[in-house]
PDB file of N, CA and C in Angstrom:
ATOM      1  N   UNK A   1      15.831 -57.348  17.566  1.00  0.00           N
ATOM      2  CA  UNK A   1      15.774 -56.056  16.680  1.00  0.00           C
ATOM      3  C   UNK A   1      17.070 -55.343  16.712  1.00  0.00           C
ATOM      4  N   UNK A   2      17.157 -54.892  15.603  1.00  0.00           N
ATOM      5  CA  UNK A   2      18.925 -53.942  16.046  1.00  0.00           C
ATOM      6  C   UNK A   2      18.637 -52.543  15.818  1.00  0.00           C
ATOM      7  N   UNK A   3      19.442 -51.674  16.464  1.00  0.00           N
ATOM      8  CA  UNK A   3      18.887 -50.183  16.095  1.00  0.00           C
ATOM      9  C   UNK A   3      19.656 -49.703  14.832  1.00  0.00           C
ATOM     10  N   UNK A   4      19.181 -48.897  14.023  1.00  0.00           N
ATOM     11  CA  UNK A   4      19.740 -48.547  12.582  1.00  0.00           C
ATOM     12  C   UNK A   4      21.151 -48.134  13.117  1.00  0.00           C
ATOM     13  N   UNK A   5      21.887 -48.103  11.803  1.00  0.00           N
ATOM     14  CA  UNK A   5      23.464 -47.556  12.309  1.00  0.00           C
ATOM     15  C   UNK A   5      23.462 -45.976  12.138  1.00  0.00           C
ATOM     16  N   UNK A   6      24.005 -45.505  12.751  1.00  0.00           N
ATOM     17  CA  UNK A   6      23.988 -43.652  13.059  1.00  0.00           C
ATOM     18  C   UNK A   6      24.574 -43.055  11.277  1.00  0.00           C
ATOM     19  N   UNK A   7      24.275 -42.212  11.286  1.00  0.00           N
ATOM     20  CA  UNK A   7      24.718 -41.702  10.072  1.00  0.00           C
ATOM     21  C   UNK A   7      25.943 -40.956  10.003  1.00  0.00           C
ATOM     22  N   UNK A   8      26.674 -41.225   9.047  1.00  0.00           N
ATOM     23  CA  UNK A   8      28.118 -40.789   8.944  1.00  0.00           C
ATOM     24  C   UNK A   8      27.931 -39.171   8.903  1.00  0.00           C
ATOM     25  N   UNK A   9      28.851 -38.363   9.660  1.00  0.00           N
ATOM     26  CA  UNK A   9      28.817 -37.045   9.543  1.00  0.00           C
ATOM     27  C   UNK A   9      29.114 -36.514   7.992  1.00  0.00           C
ATOM     28  N   UNK A  10      28.356 -35.485   7.702  1.00  0.00           N
ATOM     29  CA  UNK A  10      28.744 -34.833   6.492  1.00  0.00           C
ATOM     30  C   UNK A  10      29.374 -33.707   6.493  1.00  0.00           C
ATOM     31  N   UNK A  11      30.175 -33.453   5.436  1.00  0.00           N
ATOM     32  CA  UNK A  11      30.920 -32.427   5.604  1.00  0.00           C
ATOM     33  C   UNK A  11      30.308 -31.215   4.861  1.00  0.00           C
ATOM     34  N   UNK A  12      29.630 -31.574   3.933  1.00  0.00           N
ATOM     35  CA  UNK A  12      28.571 -30.554   3.264  1.00  0.00           C
ATOM     36  C   UNK A  12      27.302 -30.209   3.711  1.00  0.00           C
ATOM     37  N   UNK A  13      27.440 -28.987   4.349  1.00  0.00           N
ATOM     38  CA  UNK A  13      25.928 -28.642   4.718  1.00  0.00           C
ATOM     39  C   UNK A  13      24.920 -27.462   3.960  1.00  0.00           C
ATOM     40  N   UNK A  14      25.176 -27.473   2.610  1.00  0.00           N
ATOM     41  CA  UNK A  14      24.772 -26.587   1.663  1.00  0.00           C
ATOM     42  C   UNK A  14      23.511 -27.327   1.299  1.00  0.00           C
ATOM     43  N   UNK A  15      23.299 -28.562   1.656  1.00  0.00           N
ATOM     44  CA  UNK A  15      22.212 -29.283   0.927  1.00  0.00           C
ATOM     45  C   UNK A  15      21.072 -29.135   2.102  1.00  0.00           C
ATOM     46  N   UNK A  16      21.376 -29.084   3.269  1.00  0.00           N
ATOM     47  CA  UNK A  16      20.457 -28.800   4.178  1.00  0.00           C
ATOM     48  C   UNK A  16      19.533 -27.565   4.258  1.00  0.00           C
ATOM     49  N   UNK A  17      18.339 -27.461   4.457  1.00  0.00           N
ATOM     50  CA  UNK A  17      17.402 -26.440   4.379  1.00  0.00           C
ATOM     51  C   UNK A  17      18.026 -25.451   5.258  1.00  0.00           C
ATOM     52  N   UNK A  18      17.823 -24.120   4.975  1.00  0.00           N
ATOM     53  CA  UNK A  18      18.133 -22.913   5.578  1.00  0.00           C
ATOM     54  C   UNK A  18      17.411 -23.005   6.809  1.00  0.00           C
ATOM     55  N   UNK A  19      18.343 -22.785   8.038  1.00  0.00           N
ATOM     56  CA  UNK A  19      17.496 -22.517   9.123  1.00  0.00           C
ATOM     57  C   UNK A  19      16.991 -21.383   9.165  1.00  0.00           C
ATOM     58  N   UNK A  20      16.049 -20.647  10.153  1.00  0.00           N
ATOM     59  CA  UNK A  20      15.822 -19.376  10.355  1.00  0.00           C
ATOM     60  C   UNK A  20      16.371 -19.088  11.477  1.00  0.00           C
ATOM     61  N   UNK A  21      16.976 -17.853  11.340  1.00  0.00           N
ATOM     62  CA  UNK A  21      17.591 -17.084  12.534  1.00  0.00           C
ATOM     63  C   UNK A  21      16.980 -16.125  13.218  1.00  0.00           C
ATOM     64  N   UNK A  22      17.489 -15.826  14.101  1.00  0.00           N
ATOM     65  CA  UNK A  22      16.357 -14.706  14.882  1.00  0.00           C
ATOM     66  C   UNK A  22      15.935 -13.122  14.316  1.00  0.00           C
ATOM     67  N   UNK A  23      17.094 -13.267  13.153  1.00  0.00           N
ATOM     68  CA  UNK A  23      16.822 -11.980  12.919  1.00  0.00           C
ATOM     69  C   UNK A  23      16.395 -11.851  11.478  1.00  0.00           C
ATOM     70  N   UNK A  24      15.400 -12.936  11.133  1.00  0.00           N
ATOM     71  CA  UNK A  24      14.697 -12.914   9.718  1.00  0.00           C
ATOM     72  C   UNK A  24      13.765 -12.003   9.639  1.00  0.00           C
ATOM     73  N   UNK A  25      13.150 -11.646  11.047  1.00  0.00           N
ATOM     74  CA  UNK A  25      11.969 -10.838  10.919  1.00  0.00           C
ATOM     75  C   UNK A  25      12.461  -9.376  10.095  1.00  0.00           C
ATOM     76  N   UNK A  26      13.692  -9.044  10.292  1.00  0.00           N
ATOM     77  CA  UNK A  26      14.251  -7.769   9.664  1.00  0.00           C
ATOM     78  C   UNK A  26      14.198  -7.729   8.221  1.00  0.00           C
ATOM     79  N   UNK A  27      14.386  -8.808   7.438  1.00  0.00           N
ATOM     80  CA  UNK A  27      13.969  -8.763   6.223  1.00  0.00           C
ATOM     81  C   UNK A  27      12.817  -8.254   5.775  1.00  0.00           C
ATOM     82  N   UNK A  28      12.598  -7.173   5.499  1.00  0.00           N
ATOM     83  CA  UNK A  28      11.186  -6.366   5.341  1.00  0.00           C
ATOM     84  C   UNK A  28      10.797  -6.834   4.404  1.00  0.00           C
ATOM     85  N   UNK A  29      11.271  -7.252   3.290  1.00  0.00           N
ATOM     86  CA  UNK A  29      10.423  -7.638   2.038  1.00  0.00           C
ATOM     87  C   UNK A  29       9.626  -8.707   2.111  1.00  0.00           C
ATOM     88  N   UNK A  30      10.076  -9.513   2.990  1.00  0.00           N
ATOM     89  CA  UNK A  30       9.279 -11.137   2.995  1.00  0.00           C
ATOM     90  C   UNK A  30       8.279 -10.861   4.665  1.00  0.00           C
ATOM     91  N   UNK A  31       8.467  -9.966   5.520  1.00  0.00           N
ATOM     92  CA  UNK A  31       7.597  -9.883   6.436  1.00  0.00           C
ATOM     93  C   UNK A  31       6.341  -9.624   6.108  1.00  0.00           C
ATOM     94  N   UNK A  32       5.329 -10.701   6.784  1.00  0.00           N
ATOM     95  CA  UNK A  32       3.883 -10.457   6.175  1.00  0.00           C
ATOM     96  C   UNK A  32       3.235  -9.215   6.929  1.00  0.00           C
ATOM     97  N   UNK A  33       3.751  -8.873   8.033  1.00  0.00           N
ATOM     98  CA  UNK A  33       3.157  -7.696   8.754  1.00  0.00           C
ATOM     99  C   UNK A  33       3.508  -6.188   8.061  1.00  0.00           C
ATOM    100  N   UNK A  34       4.746  -6.073   7.739  1.00  0.00           N
ATOM    101  CA  UNK A  34       5.198  -5.156   6.854  1.00  0.00           C
ATOM    102  C   UNK A  34       4.311  -4.958   5.398  1.00  0.00           C
ATOM    103  N   UNK A  35       4.246  -6.133   4.585  1.00  0.00           N
ATOM    104  CA  UNK A  35       3.569  -6.143   3.498  1.00  0.00           C
ATOM    105  C   UNK A  35       2.141  -5.744   3.578  1.00  0.00           C
ATOM    106  N   UNK A  36       1.817  -6.381   4.788  1.00  0.00           N
ATOM    107  CA  UNK A  36       0.053  -5.924   4.848  1.00  0.00           C
ATOM    108  C   UNK A  36       0.025  -4.403   5.534  1.00  0.00           C
ATOM    109  N   UNK A  37       1.084  -3.900   6.027  1.00  0.00           N
ATOM    110  CA  UNK A  37       0.766  -2.584   6.640  1.00  0.00           C
ATOM    111  C   UNK A  37       1.215  -1.592   5.082  1.00  0.00           C
ATOM    112  N   UNK A  38       1.984  -2.029   4.523  1.00  0.00           N
ATOM    113  CA  UNK A  38       2.319  -1.238   3.181  1.00  0.00           C
ATOM    114  C   UNK A  38       0.898  -1.430   2.090  1.00  0.00           C
ATOM    115  N   UNK A  39       0.542  -2.326   2.271  1.00  0.00           N
ATOM    116  CA  UNK A  39      -0.928  -2.569   1.114  1.00  0.00           C
ATOM    117  C   UNK A  39      -1.940  -1.248   1.745  1.00  0.00           C
ATOM    118  N   UNK A  40      -2.155  -1.532   3.132  1.00  0.00           N
ATOM    119  CA  UNK A  40      -3.203  -0.556   3.731  1.00  0.00           C
ATOM    120  C   UNK A  40      -2.689   0.967   3.262  1.00  0.00           C
ATOM    121  N   UNK A  41      -1.414   1.236   3.705  1.00  0.00           N
ATOM    122  CA  UNK A  41      -1.094   2.505   3.532  1.00  0.00           C
ATOM    123  C   UNK A  41      -1.256   3.039   2.329  1.00  0.00           C
ATOM    124  N   UNK A  42      -1.036   2.274   1.226  1.00  0.00           N
ATOM    125  CA  UNK A  42      -1.031   2.488  -0.186  1.00  0.00           C
ATOM    126  C   UNK A  42      -2.767   2.699  -0.464  1.00  0.00           C
ATOM    127  N   UNK A  43      -3.454   1.809  -0.036  1.00  0.00           N
ATOM    128  CA  UNK A  43      -5.086   1.515  -0.172  1.00  0.00           C
ATOM    129  C   UNK A  43      -5.590   3.117   0.391  1.00  0.00           C
ATOM    130  N   UNK A  44      -4.866   3.663   1.599  1.00  0.00           N
ATOM    131  CA  UNK A  44      -5.422   4.602   2.166  1.00  0.00           C
ATOM    132  C   UNK A  44      -4.980   5.879   1.517  1.00  0.00           C
ATOM    133  N   UNK A  45      -3.781   5.900   0.680  1.00  0.00           N
ATOM    134  CA  UNK A  45      -3.160   7.049   0.040  1.00  0.00           C
ATOM    135  C   UNK A  45      -4.189   7.109  -1.197  1.00  0.00           C
ATOM    136  N   UNK A  46      -4.368   6.196  -1.930  1.00  0.00           N
ATOM    137  CA  UNK A  46      -5.063   5.960  -3.154  1.00  0.00           C
ATOM    138  C   UNK A  46      -6.531   6.709  -2.973  1.00  0.00           C
ATOM    139  N   UNK A  47      -7.158   6.442  -1.638  1.00  0.00           N
ATOM    140  CA  UNK A  47      -8.726   6.651  -1.328  1.00  0.00           C
ATOM    141  C   UNK A  47      -8.372   8.018  -1.371  1.00  0.00           C
ATOM    142  N   UNK A  48      -7.606   8.529  -0.508  1.00  0.00           N
ATOM    143  CA  UNK A  48      -7.283   9.952  -0.344  1.00  0.00           C
ATOM    144  C   UNK A  48      -7.103  11.008  -1.458  1.00  0.00           C
ATOM    145  N   UNK A  49      -6.030  10.313  -2.451  1.00  0.00           N
ATOM    146  CA  UNK A  49      -6.191  10.915  -3.622  1.00  0.00           C
ATOM    147  C   UNK A  49      -7.275  11.238  -4.411  1.00  0.00           C
ATOM    148  N   UNK A  50      -8.233  10.068  -4.586  1.00  0.00           N
ATOM    149  CA  UNK A  50      -9.377  10.283  -5.168  1.00  0.00           C
ATOM    150  C   UNK A  50     -10.443  11.275  -4.305  1.00  0.00           C
ATOM    151  N   UNK A  51     -10.454  11.088  -2.780  1.00  0.00           N
ATOM    152  CA  UNK A  51     -11.099  12.134  -2.336  1.00  0.00           C
ATOM    153  C   UNK A  51     -10.781  13.448  -2.594  1.00  0.00           C
ATOM    154  N   UNK A  52      -9.391  13.789  -2.901  1.00  0.00           N
ATOM    155  CA  UNK A  52      -9.099  14.894  -2.998  1.00  0.00           C
ATOM    156  C   UNK A  52      -9.468  15.746  -4.100  1.00  0.00           C
ATOM    157  N   UNK A  53      -9.592  14.548  -5.430  1.00  0.00           N
ATOM    158  CA  UNK A  53      -9.813  15.073  -6.682  1.00  0.00           C
ATOM    159  C   UNK A  53     -11.447  15.340  -6.724  1.00  0.00           C
ATOM    160  N   UNK A  54     -11.946  14.480  -5.805  1.00  0.00           N
ATOM    161  CA  UNK A  54     -13.676  14.659  -6.010  1.00  0.00           C
ATOM    162  C   UNK A  54     -14.029  15.909  -5.400  1.00  0.00           C
ATOM    163  N   UNK A  55     -13.303  16.579  -4.409  1.00  0.00           N
ATOM    164  CA  UNK A  55     -13.436  17.704  -3.587  1.00  0.00           C
ATOM    165  C   UNK A  55     -13.068  18.795  -4.615  1.00  0.00           C
ATOM    166  N   UNK A  56     -11.820  18.668  -5.621  1.00  0.00           N
ATOM    167  CA  UNK A  56     -11.521  19.582  -6.412  1.00  0.00           C
ATOM    168  C   UNK A  56     -12.575  19.901  -7.689  1.00  0.00           C
ATOM    169  N   UNK A  57     -12.947  18.683  -7.800  1.00  0.00           N
ATOM    170  CA  UNK A  57     -14.123  18.622  -8.808  1.00  0.00           C
ATOM    171  C   UNK A  57     -15.435  19.327  -8.626  1.00  0.00           C
ATOM    172  N   UNK A  58     -15.638  19.099  -7.226  1.00  0.00           N
ATOM    173  CA  UNK A  58     -16.818  19.494  -6.501  1.00  0.00           C
ATOM    174  C   UNK A  58     -16.875  21.106  -6.369  1.00  0.00           C
ATOM    175  N   UNK A  59     -15.773  21.076  -6.028  1.00  0.00           N
ATOM    176  CA  UNK A  59     -15.320  22.798  -5.937  1.00  0.00           C
ATOM    177  C   UNK A  59     -15.504  23.903  -7.299  1.00  0.00           C
ATOM    178  N   UNK A  60     -14.995  23.043  -8.382  1.00  0.00           N
ATOM    179  CA  UNK A  60     -15.171  23.733  -9.635  1.00  0.00           C
ATOM    180  C   UNK A  60     -16.370  23.951  -9.890  1.00  0.00           C
ATOM    181  N   UNK A  61     -17.253  22.801  -9.861  1.00  0.00           N
ATOM    182  CA  UNK A  61     -18.674  22.890 -10.158  1.00  0.00           C
ATOM    183  C   UNK A  61     -19.438  23.721  -9.406  1.00  0.00           C
ATOM    184  N   UNK A  62     -19.323  23.936  -8.124  1.00  0.00           N
ATOM    185  CA  UNK A  62     -19.920  24.914  -7.564  1.00  0.00           C
ATOM    186  C   UNK A  62     -19.456  26.265  -7.699  1.00  0.00           C
ATOM    187  N   UNK A  63     -18.368  26.723  -7.986  1.00  0.00           N
ATOM    188  CA  UNK A  63     -17.510  28.056  -8.522  1.00  0.00           C
ATOM    189  C   UNK A  63     -18.512  28.478  -9.661  1.00  0.00           C
ATOM    190  N   UNK A  64     -18.773  27.315 -10.761  1.00  0.00           N
ATOM    191  CA  UNK A  64     -19.351  27.787 -12.067  1.00  0.00           C
ATOM    192  C   UNK A  64     -20.779  28.183 -11.797  1.00  0.00           C
ATOM    193  N   UNK A  65     -21.450  27.278 -11.080  1.00  0.00           N
ATOM    194  CA  UNK A  65     -22.542  27.480 -10.566  1.00  0.00           C
ATOM    195  C   UNK A  65     -22.945  28.867  -9.785  1.00  0.00           C
ATOM    196  N   UNK A  66     -21.871  29.179  -9.023  1.00  0.00           N
ATOM    197  CA  UNK A  66     -22.055  30.713  -8.439  1.00  0.00           C
ATOM    198  C   UNK A  66     -21.998  31.868  -9.570  1.00  0.00           C
ATOM    199  N   UNK A  67     -21.078  31.538 -10.219  1.00  0.00           N
ATOM    200  CA  UNK A  67     -20.772  32.435 -11.519  1.00  0.00           C
ATOM    201  C   UNK A  67     -22.175  32.601 -12.489  1.00  0.00           C
ATOM    202  N   UNK A  68     -22.668  31.402 -12.529  1.00  0.00           N
ATOM    203  CA  UNK A  68     -23.867  31.827 -13.818  1.00  0.00           C
ATOM    204  C   UNK A  68     -25.238  32.067 -12.947  1.00  0.00           C
ATOM    205  N   UNK A  69     -25.161  31.914 -11.519  1.00  0.00           N
ATOM    206  CA  UNK A  69     -26.196  32.307 -10.795  1.00  0.00           C
ATOM    207  C   UNK A  69     -25.847  34.287 -10.549  1.00  0.00           C
ATOM    208  N   UNK A  70     -24.557  34.500 -10.390  1.00  0.00           N
ATOM    209  CA  UNK A  70     -24.398  36.005 -10.794  1.00  0.00           C
ATOM    210  C   UNK A  70     -24.769  36.384 -11.852  1.00  0.00           C
ATOM    211  N   UNK A  71     -24.504  35.778 -13.303  1.00  0.00           N
ATOM    212  CA  UNK A  71     -24.610  36.195 -14.402  1.00  0.00           C
ATOM    213  C   UNK A  71     -26.115  36.449 -14.673  1.00  0.00           C
ATOM    214  N   UNK A  72     -26.774  35.534 -13.996  1.00  0.00           N
ATOM    215  CA  UNK A  72     -28.261  35.747 -13.850  1.00  0.00           C
ATOM    216  C   UNK A  72     -29.086  36.843 -13.365  1.00  0.00           C
ATOM    217  N   UNK A  73     -28.375  37.275 -12.329  1.00  0.00           N
ATOM    218  CA  UNK A  73     -28.858  38.142 -11.311  1.00  0.00           C
ATOM    219  C   UNK A  73     -28.580  39.649 -11.852  1.00  0.00           C
ATOM    220  N   UNK A  74     -27.358  39.970 -12.253  1.00  0.00           N
ATOM    221  CA  UNK A  74     -26.961  41.076 -12.297  1.00  0.00           C
ATOM    222  C   UNK A  74     -26.758  41.422 -14.070  1.00  0.00           C
ATOM    223  N   UNK A  75     -27.149  40.078 -14.985  1.00  0.00           N
ATOM    224  CA  UNK A  75     -27.019  40.355 -16.226  1.00  0.00           C
ATOM    225  C   UNK A  75     -25.867  41.148 -16.771  1.00  0.00           C
ATOM    226  N   UNK A  76     -24.723  40.876 -16.067  1.00  0.00           N
ATOM    227  CA  UNK A  76     -23.432  41.585 -16.316  1.00  0.00           C
ATOM    228  C   UNK A  76     -22.800  40.274 -16.709  1.00  0.00           C
ATOM    229  N   UNK A  77     -22.044  39.838 -17.905  1.00  0.00           N
ATOM    230  CA  UNK A  77     -21.632  38.691 -18.245  1.00  0.00           C
ATOM    231  C   UNK A  77     -19.897  38.902 -17.777  1.00  0.00           C
ATOM    232  N   UNK A  78     -19.577  37.915 -17.528  1.00  0.00           N
ATOM    233  CA  UNK A  78     -18.030  38.283 -16.867  1.00  0.00           C
ATOM    234  C   UNK A  78     -17.189  37.575 -18.043  1.00  0.00           C
ATOM    235  N   UNK A  79     -16.005  38.358 -18.014  1.00  0.00           N
ATOM    236  CA  UNK A  79     -15.249  38.148 -19.176  1.00  0.00           C
ATOM    237  C   UNK A  79     -14.347  36.839 -18.968  1.00  0.00           C
TER     238      UNK A  79
END
């Protein structure tokens, strides 16, 4: 049994798959940790906006209810 012939050296290296360098983690668009962190941050921001809006709506309702009680007690209509 004979060993296979060694391949001839190639001049074109473009056909080889791209090797990962040490600095690939700096490509933030492809870094899975950054993608997850961004998704979490955006989710927290959306939740916070929803909570603030709900709080404002509740405050408006409470203010209207307070004025209605005032109107019933004093019988003075606000303008």
